[in-house]
Protein backbone atom coordinates (compact mmCIF):
# COMPACT_ATOMS: atom_id res chain seq x y z
CA MET A 1 18.77 29.45 -53.04
CA SER A 2 21.43 28.62 -55.68
CA GLU A 3 22.65 31.51 -58.93
CA GLY A 4 20.62 31.09 -62.11
CA LEU A 5 17.07 30.19 -59.97
CA PHE A 6 13.86 31.89 -59.79
CA SER A 7 11.28 32.37 -57.28
CA ILE A 8 8.11 33.92 -55.48
CA VAL A 9 7.85 34.56 -51.75
CA GLU A 10 4.25 34.99 -50.59
CA ASP A 11 2.92 37.24 -47.85
CA ALA A 12 6.17 38.05 -46.62
CA THR A 13 7.19 41.21 -44.49
CA CYS A 14 7.90 44.27 -44.99
CA THR A 15 10.06 45.87 -41.80
CA PHE A 16 10.86 49.14 -43.19
CA CYS A 17 8.11 50.95 -41.00
CA GLY A 18 5.52 50.28 -37.47
CA CYS A 19 3.01 49.31 -40.20
CA VAL A 20 4.76 45.53 -40.51
CA CYS A 21 3.04 44.70 -43.35
CA ASP A 22 3.04 41.23 -44.04
CA ASP A 23 1.46 40.75 -47.38
CA ILE A 24 4.40 41.53 -49.66
CA THR A 25 4.38 38.48 -52.79
CA LEU A 26 8.52 39.28 -53.51
CA LYS A 27 10.20 38.07 -57.31
CA VAL A 28 13.81 36.79 -56.39
CA GLU A 29 15.66 36.09 -59.26
CA ASN A 30 19.56 34.92 -59.72
CA GLY A 31 20.33 36.28 -55.33
CA HIS A 32 18.00 39.35 -55.76
CA ILE A 33 15.53 40.85 -55.17
CA ARG A 34 13.21 41.96 -58.54
CA GLU A 35 10.17 43.19 -57.42
CA ALA A 36 7.74 43.69 -54.66
CA LYS A 37 4.38 43.84 -55.35
CA ASN A 38 1.94 45.70 -52.33
CA ALA A 39 4.74 47.01 -50.99
CA CYS A 40 5.38 50.89 -51.01
CA VAL A 41 7.71 53.20 -52.32
CA LEU A 42 9.24 52.75 -48.65
CA GLY A 43 9.09 48.90 -48.48
CA LYS A 44 9.97 48.89 -52.24
CA ALA A 45 13.26 50.43 -52.00
CA TRP A 46 13.98 48.28 -48.43
CA PHE A 47 13.29 45.03 -50.20
CA LEU A 48 15.20 46.58 -53.62
CA HIS A 49 18.13 47.66 -52.38
CA HIS A 50 18.69 45.53 -49.53
CA ASP A 51 21.95 43.03 -51.14
CA THR A 52 23.62 40.65 -49.05
CA PRO A 53 26.59 42.53 -47.43
CA SER A 54 30.07 42.46 -48.45
CA GLY A 55 32.54 42.35 -47.17
CA PRO A 56 35.31 40.87 -43.54
CA VAL A 57 31.66 39.16 -41.03
CA ALA A 58 33.81 41.06 -38.28
CA ARG A 59 37.07 43.85 -37.98
CA ILE A 60 38.58 44.32 -34.46
CA GLU A 61 40.17 48.16 -34.42
CA GLY A 62 39.61 48.69 -38.28
CA ARG A 63 41.27 45.19 -38.68
CA PRO A 64 39.29 42.07 -40.74
CA ALA A 65 38.97 39.49 -38.28
CA SER A 66 37.28 35.77 -37.52
CA LEU A 67 33.70 35.71 -35.73
CA ASP A 68 34.75 33.84 -32.77
CA GLU A 69 37.79 36.75 -32.46
CA ALA A 70 34.89 39.78 -32.25
CA ILE A 71 32.72 38.19 -30.07
CA GLU A 72 36.16 37.09 -27.81
CA ARG A 73 37.06 41.15 -27.75
CA ALA A 74 33.20 42.08 -27.47
CA ALA A 75 32.75 40.17 -24.81
CA ARG A 76 36.02 41.67 -23.06
CA ILE A 77 35.09 44.55 -23.63
CA LEU A 78 32.00 44.46 -21.84
CA VAL A 79 32.66 42.32 -18.91
CA ASN A 80 35.90 45.31 -18.60
CA ALA A 81 33.31 47.15 -18.35
CA ARG A 82 31.98 49.37 -15.49
CA TYR A 83 29.01 50.91 -16.58
CA PRO A 84 28.63 49.37 -19.58
CA VAL A 85 24.91 50.50 -22.22
CA VAL A 86 23.10 48.49 -24.58
CA TYR A 87 21.76 50.00 -27.12
CA GLY A 88 19.04 50.12 -30.56
CA LEU A 89 17.16 46.65 -30.89
CA SER A 90 14.46 48.63 -32.95
CA ASP A 91 15.90 46.75 -36.38
CA THR A 92 16.51 43.43 -35.46
CA THR A 93 14.05 40.30 -34.32
CA CYS A 94 12.31 40.15 -31.03
CA GLU A 95 14.35 36.43 -30.48
CA ALA A 96 17.65 38.84 -30.69
CA GLN A 97 16.28 41.44 -27.93
CA ARG A 98 16.16 38.90 -25.76
CA TYR A 99 19.66 38.30 -26.25
CA ALA A 100 20.17 41.61 -25.71
CA VAL A 101 18.59 42.17 -22.20
CA ALA A 102 19.91 39.32 -21.63
CA ILE A 103 23.32 40.35 -22.32
CA ALA A 104 22.63 43.60 -19.99
CA ASP A 105 21.86 41.78 -16.72
CA TYR A 106 24.88 39.32 -16.71
CA ILE A 107 27.20 41.96 -17.24
CA GLY A 108 24.70 45.47 -14.78
CA GLY A 109 24.81 47.40 -17.97
CA CYS A 110 21.80 49.94 -19.03
CA ILE A 111 19.18 48.54 -21.59
CA ASP A 112 17.95 51.05 -23.23
CA THR A 113 15.54 51.41 -27.14
CA THR A 114 15.26 54.32 -30.17
CA THR A 115 12.52 54.53 -28.74
CA SER A 116 14.13 56.84 -26.06
CA VAL A 117 14.82 59.48 -28.93
CA CYS A 118 11.44 58.85 -30.58
CA HIS A 119 8.28 57.85 -28.86
CA GLY A 120 10.07 57.57 -25.13
CA PRO A 121 7.90 60.38 -23.99
CA SER A 122 4.90 57.98 -25.17
CA GLY A 123 6.31 55.31 -23.48
CA MET A 124 6.59 57.29 -20.38
CA ALA A 125 2.45 58.53 -20.58
CA PHE A 126 1.16 54.83 -21.04
CA GLN A 127 2.85 54.67 -17.64
CA GLY A 128 1.34 57.22 -15.90
CA ILE A 129 -2.05 56.91 -17.90
CA GLY A 130 -3.06 54.02 -19.34
CA GLU A 131 -3.96 52.91 -22.83
CA VAL A 132 -7.08 52.57 -24.13
CA THR A 133 -5.79 49.84 -26.75
CA CYS A 134 -6.90 47.98 -30.18
CA SER A 135 -5.53 46.45 -33.38
CA LEU A 136 -5.25 47.79 -36.45
CA GLY A 137 -7.82 44.45 -37.41
CA GLU A 138 -10.43 46.77 -35.66
CA VAL A 139 -9.53 49.80 -36.76
CA LYS A 140 -10.36 48.34 -40.42
CA ASN A 141 -12.97 47.16 -39.69
CA ARG A 142 -15.02 49.33 -37.38
CA ALA A 143 -12.88 52.89 -37.29
CA ASP A 144 -15.54 55.20 -38.68
CA LEU A 145 -13.87 58.48 -37.45
CA VAL A 146 -9.97 58.67 -37.64
CA ILE A 147 -8.13 61.18 -35.98
CA PHE A 148 -4.28 61.82 -37.11
CA TRP A 149 -2.75 64.14 -34.29
CA GLY A 150 0.76 65.38 -34.87
CA SER A 151 2.06 63.10 -37.75
CA ASN A 152 1.91 62.54 -41.14
CA PRO A 153 1.00 59.72 -42.58
CA ALA A 154 1.03 59.64 -46.76
CA GLU A 155 4.98 59.80 -45.97
CA SER A 156 5.75 57.92 -43.00
CA HIS A 157 3.55 55.30 -43.01
CA PRO A 158 2.55 55.06 -46.49
CA ARG A 159 0.24 52.14 -46.82
CA HIS A 160 -1.40 52.82 -43.11
CA MET A 161 -4.29 54.88 -44.72
CA THR A 162 -4.98 52.54 -47.61
CA ARG A 163 -4.54 48.63 -45.69
CA TYR A 164 -5.87 50.04 -42.00
CA SER A 165 -7.22 52.81 -41.01
CA THR A 166 -9.11 55.74 -43.58
CA MET A 167 -9.71 53.42 -47.08
CA PRO A 168 -9.77 49.93 -46.56
CA LYS A 169 -13.88 47.99 -46.47
CA GLY A 170 -14.42 46.05 -43.22
CA GLU A 171 -17.25 44.61 -41.11
CA PHE A 172 -19.06 47.23 -40.50
CA VAL A 173 -18.17 50.08 -43.14
CA PRO A 174 -18.63 48.91 -46.03
CA ARG A 175 -18.03 51.63 -47.95
CA GLY A 176 -14.92 52.07 -47.15
CA ARG A 177 -13.34 55.85 -47.14
CA LYS A 178 -17.06 57.75 -47.53
CA ASP A 179 -17.89 55.05 -44.27
CA ARG A 180 -15.39 57.30 -42.36
CA THR A 181 -14.29 61.19 -41.24
CA VAL A 182 -10.81 62.01 -41.63
CA VAL A 183 -9.91 64.20 -39.47
CA LEU A 184 -5.89 65.75 -39.66
CA VAL A 185 -4.05 68.39 -36.42
CA ASP A 186 -1.16 69.20 -37.77
CA VAL A 187 1.08 72.43 -37.36
CA ARG A 188 1.97 72.88 -41.09
CA ARG A 189 0.19 71.13 -43.82
CA SER A 190 1.75 67.96 -44.98
CA LYS A 191 0.66 65.42 -47.74
CA SER A 192 -1.18 64.06 -44.85
CA ALA A 193 -3.89 67.05 -45.69
CA PRO A 194 -5.27 66.43 -48.77
CA ALA A 195 -6.95 62.33 -48.16
CA ALA A 196 -8.63 64.14 -44.81
CA ASP A 197 -12.64 65.40 -44.92
CA ILE A 198 -10.56 68.08 -41.81
CA PHE A 199 -7.74 69.62 -41.20
CA LEU A 200 -6.74 71.97 -37.83
CA GLN A 201 -3.55 73.78 -37.94
CA ILE A 202 -2.77 74.13 -35.04
CA ARG A 203 -0.02 76.67 -33.76
CA PRO A 204 3.10 75.29 -32.60
CA ARG A 205 3.34 73.82 -29.17
CA LYS A 206 0.20 74.35 -28.46
CA ASP A 207 -1.34 70.03 -28.87
CA PHE A 208 -1.44 70.34 -24.89
CA GLU A 209 -4.23 73.66 -24.55
CA ALA A 210 -5.66 71.93 -27.25
CA LEU A 211 -5.83 68.58 -26.57
CA TRP A 212 -7.01 70.05 -22.48
CA ALA A 213 -9.51 72.43 -24.03
CA LEU A 214 -11.03 68.68 -26.09
CA ARG A 215 -11.61 66.90 -22.63
CA ALA A 216 -13.74 70.43 -21.07
CA LEU A 217 -15.85 70.36 -24.37
CA VAL A 218 -16.08 66.45 -24.24
CA ARG A 219 -17.47 66.66 -20.73
CA GLY A 220 -20.12 69.55 -21.53
CA ARG A 221 -18.03 72.51 -19.65
CA SER A 222 -17.56 76.16 -20.95
CA VAL A 223 -14.04 76.98 -22.29
CA SER A 224 -13.71 79.95 -23.59
CA PRO A 225 -13.32 81.46 -27.07
CA ALA A 226 -9.64 82.90 -26.08
CA ILE A 227 -8.47 79.40 -27.24
CA ALA A 228 -8.98 80.47 -31.12
CA GLU A 229 -6.09 83.39 -30.63
CA GLU A 230 -4.39 80.60 -27.90
CA THR A 231 -4.19 77.85 -30.87
CA GLY A 232 -4.81 79.13 -33.39
CA ILE A 233 -8.59 77.02 -34.80
CA SER A 234 -11.75 78.50 -33.37
CA LEU A 235 -14.11 77.02 -30.68
CA GLU A 236 -16.55 76.92 -33.56
CA GLN A 237 -13.96 74.34 -35.03
CA TRP A 238 -12.92 72.34 -31.31
CA SER A 239 -16.75 72.19 -30.16
CA ASP A 240 -17.61 70.31 -34.35
CA LEU A 241 -14.42 68.33 -32.85
CA ALA A 242 -15.64 66.92 -29.82
CA THR A 243 -19.13 66.79 -31.10
CA ARG A 244 -17.95 64.26 -32.98
CA MET A 245 -16.05 62.51 -31.15
CA LYS A 246 -18.33 61.41 -29.23
CA SER A 247 -21.30 60.99 -31.88
CA CYS A 248 -18.88 58.51 -33.27
CA ARG A 249 -19.48 54.44 -33.55
CA PHE A 250 -15.63 53.13 -33.02
CA GLY A 251 -13.78 56.57 -33.32
CA VAL A 252 -9.06 56.53 -32.97
CA LEU A 253 -6.70 58.99 -32.42
CA PHE A 254 -3.53 57.80 -34.25
CA PHE A 255 -0.49 60.46 -33.08
CA GLY A 256 3.06 61.06 -33.70
CA MET A 257 5.88 62.42 -33.04
CA GLY A 258 4.08 65.71 -33.13
CA LEU A 259 2.85 65.20 -29.88
CA SER A 260 4.91 63.34 -27.85
CA MET A 261 8.85 65.56 -28.92
CA THR A 262 8.02 68.97 -28.95
CA ARG A 263 6.99 71.41 -25.73
CA GLY A 264 5.42 69.27 -22.68
CA LYS A 265 6.10 65.62 -24.45
CA HIS A 266 4.78 63.71 -21.86
CA LEU A 267 2.43 64.94 -21.57
CA ASN A 268 1.32 65.79 -24.11
CA VAL A 269 0.54 62.87 -24.68
CA GLU A 270 -0.97 61.93 -21.68
CA ALA A 271 -4.21 64.51 -22.46
CA ALA A 272 -4.35 63.01 -25.66
CA LEU A 273 -4.50 59.44 -22.90
CA ALA A 274 -6.79 60.52 -21.01
CA LEU A 275 -9.02 62.57 -23.37
CA ALA A 276 -9.94 58.96 -25.01
CA ARG A 277 -10.35 57.83 -21.63
CA ASP A 278 -12.77 60.08 -21.02
CA LEU A 279 -14.40 59.34 -24.37
CA ASN A 280 -15.45 55.68 -23.38
CA GLU A 281 -18.40 57.51 -21.54
CA TYR A 282 -20.13 58.03 -24.61
CA THR A 283 -18.72 55.31 -26.79
CA LYS A 284 -15.79 53.44 -28.15
CA PHE A 285 -12.13 55.50 -28.73
CA TYR A 286 -8.89 54.27 -28.79
CA ILE A 287 -5.57 55.95 -29.59
CA LYS A 288 -2.38 55.00 -31.48
CA PRO A 289 1.01 55.85 -31.42
CA MET A 290 2.62 55.51 -35.02
CA ARG A 291 5.64 54.26 -34.77
CA GLY A 292 8.91 54.23 -36.70
CA HIS A 293 11.11 51.96 -37.19
CA GLY A 294 9.58 48.34 -37.23
CA ASN A 295 9.97 46.50 -34.84
CA VAL A 296 10.20 49.42 -32.04
CA THR A 297 7.01 47.88 -30.52
CA GLY A 298 8.96 44.74 -30.39
CA ALA A 299 11.76 46.39 -28.32
CA ASP A 300 9.71 47.83 -25.97
CA ASN A 301 7.68 44.95 -25.69
CA VAL A 302 10.57 42.64 -25.51
CA VAL A 303 12.24 44.73 -22.65
CA SER A 304 9.24 45.90 -20.64
CA TRP A 305 8.56 41.61 -20.52
CA GLN A 306 11.74 41.22 -18.89
CA THR A 307 12.73 43.84 -16.96
CA GLY A 308 8.73 45.26 -16.45
CA TYR A 309 10.71 49.00 -17.95
CA PRO A 310 9.91 49.61 -21.65
CA PHE A 311 13.75 51.40 -22.02
CA GLY A 312 16.09 53.14 -20.14
CA VAL A 313 16.65 50.58 -17.88
CA SER A 314 19.70 49.80 -15.50
CA LEU A 315 20.45 46.62 -14.15
CA HIS A 316 23.73 47.94 -12.42
CA ARG A 317 22.34 46.31 -9.33
CA GLY A 318 21.31 43.29 -9.96
CA TYR A 319 17.27 44.76 -10.78
CA PRO A 320 15.78 47.00 -12.75
CA ARG A 321 15.83 50.75 -12.24
CA PHE A 322 13.36 52.89 -15.18
CA ASN A 323 14.26 56.95 -15.13
CA PRO A 324 14.36 58.31 -18.16
CA GLY A 325 16.84 61.23 -18.81
CA GLU A 326 19.07 58.70 -16.47
CA PHE A 327 19.46 56.10 -17.78
CA THR A 328 18.57 56.42 -21.45
CA THR A 329 21.52 55.76 -23.81
CA ALA A 330 21.30 60.15 -25.40
CA ASP A 331 22.29 61.20 -21.85
CA THR A 332 24.96 58.44 -20.31
CA LEU A 333 26.60 58.81 -23.69
CA ALA A 334 26.58 62.79 -23.48
CA ARG A 335 27.40 62.85 -19.58
CA GLY A 336 30.76 60.70 -20.34
CA GLU A 337 28.91 58.20 -17.64
CA ALA A 338 29.75 54.78 -19.83
CA ASP A 339 32.74 53.31 -20.20
CA ALA A 340 31.64 50.21 -23.22
CA ALA A 341 28.49 49.61 -25.52
CA LEU A 342 26.77 47.29 -27.02
CA ILE A 343 25.01 48.81 -30.49
CA VAL A 344 22.28 46.47 -32.47
CA ALA A 345 21.10 47.82 -35.37
CA SER A 346 21.69 51.89 -34.39
CA ASP A 347 23.28 54.05 -35.69
CA PRO A 348 24.32 56.27 -32.81
CA LEU A 349 27.57 58.77 -34.49
CA ALA A 350 25.17 59.33 -37.03
CA ASN A 351 21.80 60.69 -34.60
CA PHE A 352 23.25 61.71 -31.24
CA CYS A 353 23.78 65.01 -29.91
CA GLN A 354 27.69 66.18 -30.17
CA PRO A 355 28.96 65.15 -27.34
CA ALA A 356 27.22 62.04 -27.03
CA ARG A 357 28.66 61.69 -29.89
CA GLU A 358 31.84 62.82 -28.66
CA HIS A 359 31.90 60.32 -25.93
CA LEU A 360 30.71 56.81 -27.88
CA ALA A 361 33.81 58.28 -30.47
CA ARG A 362 36.13 57.49 -27.54
CA ILE A 363 35.54 54.96 -25.26
CA PRO A 364 35.28 50.99 -26.68
CA TYR A 365 31.75 49.32 -27.90
CA ILE A 366 30.86 46.92 -30.38
CA ALA A 367 28.57 47.19 -33.53
CA LEU A 368 26.56 44.93 -35.19
CA ASP A 369 24.63 46.04 -38.30
CA PRO A 370 24.32 44.69 -41.63
CA LYS A 371 25.06 48.15 -42.57
CA ASP A 372 29.05 49.97 -43.12
CA THR A 373 27.35 52.71 -40.61
CA PRO A 374 29.74 55.76 -39.29
CA THR A 375 28.75 53.65 -35.73
CA MET A 376 29.78 50.51 -37.43
CA ARG A 377 33.46 52.32 -38.75
CA GLN A 378 33.86 53.76 -35.28
CA ALA A 379 33.50 50.20 -33.57
CA THR A 380 36.08 48.79 -31.42
CA VAL A 381 34.33 45.52 -32.86
CA ALA A 382 32.30 45.43 -35.26
CA ILE A 383 30.33 42.19 -36.89
CA THR A 384 28.24 42.49 -40.27
CA THR A 385 24.66 40.76 -39.76
CA ALA A 386 22.36 39.04 -41.88
CA VAL A 387 19.53 41.60 -42.86
CA TYR A 388 15.94 40.55 -40.98
CA GLY A 389 12.79 39.62 -42.77
CA ILE A 390 15.23 39.32 -45.99
CA HIS A 391 18.21 37.02 -45.04
CA VAL A 392 16.90 36.29 -41.04
CA GLY A 393 14.13 34.71 -39.89
CA GLY A 394 12.32 35.42 -36.79
CA THR A 395 9.77 37.58 -35.24
CA VAL A 396 8.87 41.43 -35.38
CA TYR A 397 5.56 44.05 -33.48
CA ARG A 398 4.11 45.55 -35.38
CA MET A 399 3.04 48.85 -34.14
CA ASP A 400 0.28 47.89 -32.66
CA ASP A 401 1.57 45.29 -30.50
CA VAL A 402 0.45 42.11 -33.37
CA PRO A 403 2.92 39.66 -33.46
CA ILE A 404 4.27 39.29 -37.05
CA PRO A 405 6.30 36.59 -37.93
CA LEU A 406 9.18 37.04 -40.93
CA ARG A 407 9.64 35.70 -44.05
CA PRO A 408 13.10 35.16 -44.70
CA ALA A 409 13.79 35.81 -48.91
CA LEU A 410 16.98 34.89 -49.67
CA PRO A 411 20.35 33.14 -48.26
CA CYS A 412 23.02 34.69 -46.01
CA SER A 413 26.23 33.48 -45.03
CA TYR A 414 26.02 36.39 -42.70
CA PRO A 415 25.06 35.33 -39.10
CA SER A 416 22.13 36.67 -37.51
CA ASP A 417 21.81 39.09 -34.40
CA GLU A 418 20.40 36.56 -32.52
CA GLU A 419 23.16 34.76 -33.73
CA VAL A 420 26.08 37.26 -32.23
CA LEU A 421 24.45 37.64 -29.87
CA ARG A 422 23.34 34.04 -27.87
CA ARG A 423 27.21 33.66 -28.30
CA LEU A 424 27.75 36.74 -27.26
CA GLY A 425 25.72 36.25 -24.16
CA HIS A 426 26.90 32.63 -23.36
CA ARG A 427 31.32 33.22 -23.59
CA ILE A 428 30.53 36.72 -20.50
CA LEU A 429 29.25 34.22 -18.70
CA GLN A 430 32.33 31.83 -19.10
CA ILE A 431 35.03 34.49 -18.33
CA GLN A 432 32.86 35.67 -15.71
CA LYS A 433 32.24 31.75 -14.45
CA SER A 434 36.48 31.49 -14.44
CA HIS A 435 36.80 34.86 -13.07
CA SER A 436 34.07 33.88 -10.33
């Protein structure tokens, strides 16, 4: 789009959070997004404050470089590494993620996503128990009981309630909010509490005990009144919730990191998954995690499709091995094992533990990102890329595993993650072939 032009982009997709709302109308003027109709406050910030990147397309050890030079240096670093890691991927397209997995395979490294530091325990629990799942469209049209456990959608996913779960009118809930019962279980009274019919303030780190008690109540077993002292919620309140869950027509439990990242971790999620499975003996009941980053669900799907596991996968022996804690990036870095890294659309130097950050700063690594992050500033090779969903198209997955296409609104002279990773993978293969 040239300067001075005005246009409207209908049905644009917001990739800020896992809701991946695809009904955004963008007003573009003079090469900038001026308005994002239908977007929430987080979505508006995502669209309005994501102008085209600036500066050199690449930097090698802090010095400006061409894209060809950066890809050549990056390929050499990865080919020469003995234990490389590929990490990030939650803020880029599925097409780019596919090439990142291929690169990890070429170099015999570990492939890991940001899932390992957020809903990683959920991924482990899914493998152990399974998931009774549904789409957000089914929730909108059918759900008459909605439970949020350890999540605060009013602040983390502002349109979740209004578009999918509690407020919208659906085919079998024609009165919308009036046809639904909303329950919030959390350790504190968050901003989501006023939107709930029932708020249960559970004691911290007691989710497993509460969920196991609910399983017993659903199955008609007796539960000691001491559960009140254990969880901070009376037996009568738990019994009432169990009755509501058994008697609803279509129930759904959305859980957040307040469940998956507290004491018990994957065991907490396993208990919740087992509860949903138990309830299907009496009614239709489903369970879904509240995913954060725009395409973290897509990263799990792509890595699972190509390796059989969602994150923390080692390809060092020529076949996939899955072991969280051993092959997850934060752990391999903290133990000082990785000797090179490829970081895609992530900023581990801003959120990993101190030993992991210190080791990452010591080894050569490549970073791809549209933003000037701490990870980009210290990278041996830093490549500035276009913003997915704003400058480049592709595919992302909503938190309910539904693929959504992207409609870019602005042109960009910077390459996409997909283009860089495709070229990087091709160059790695060329170097390896010349060495054989």
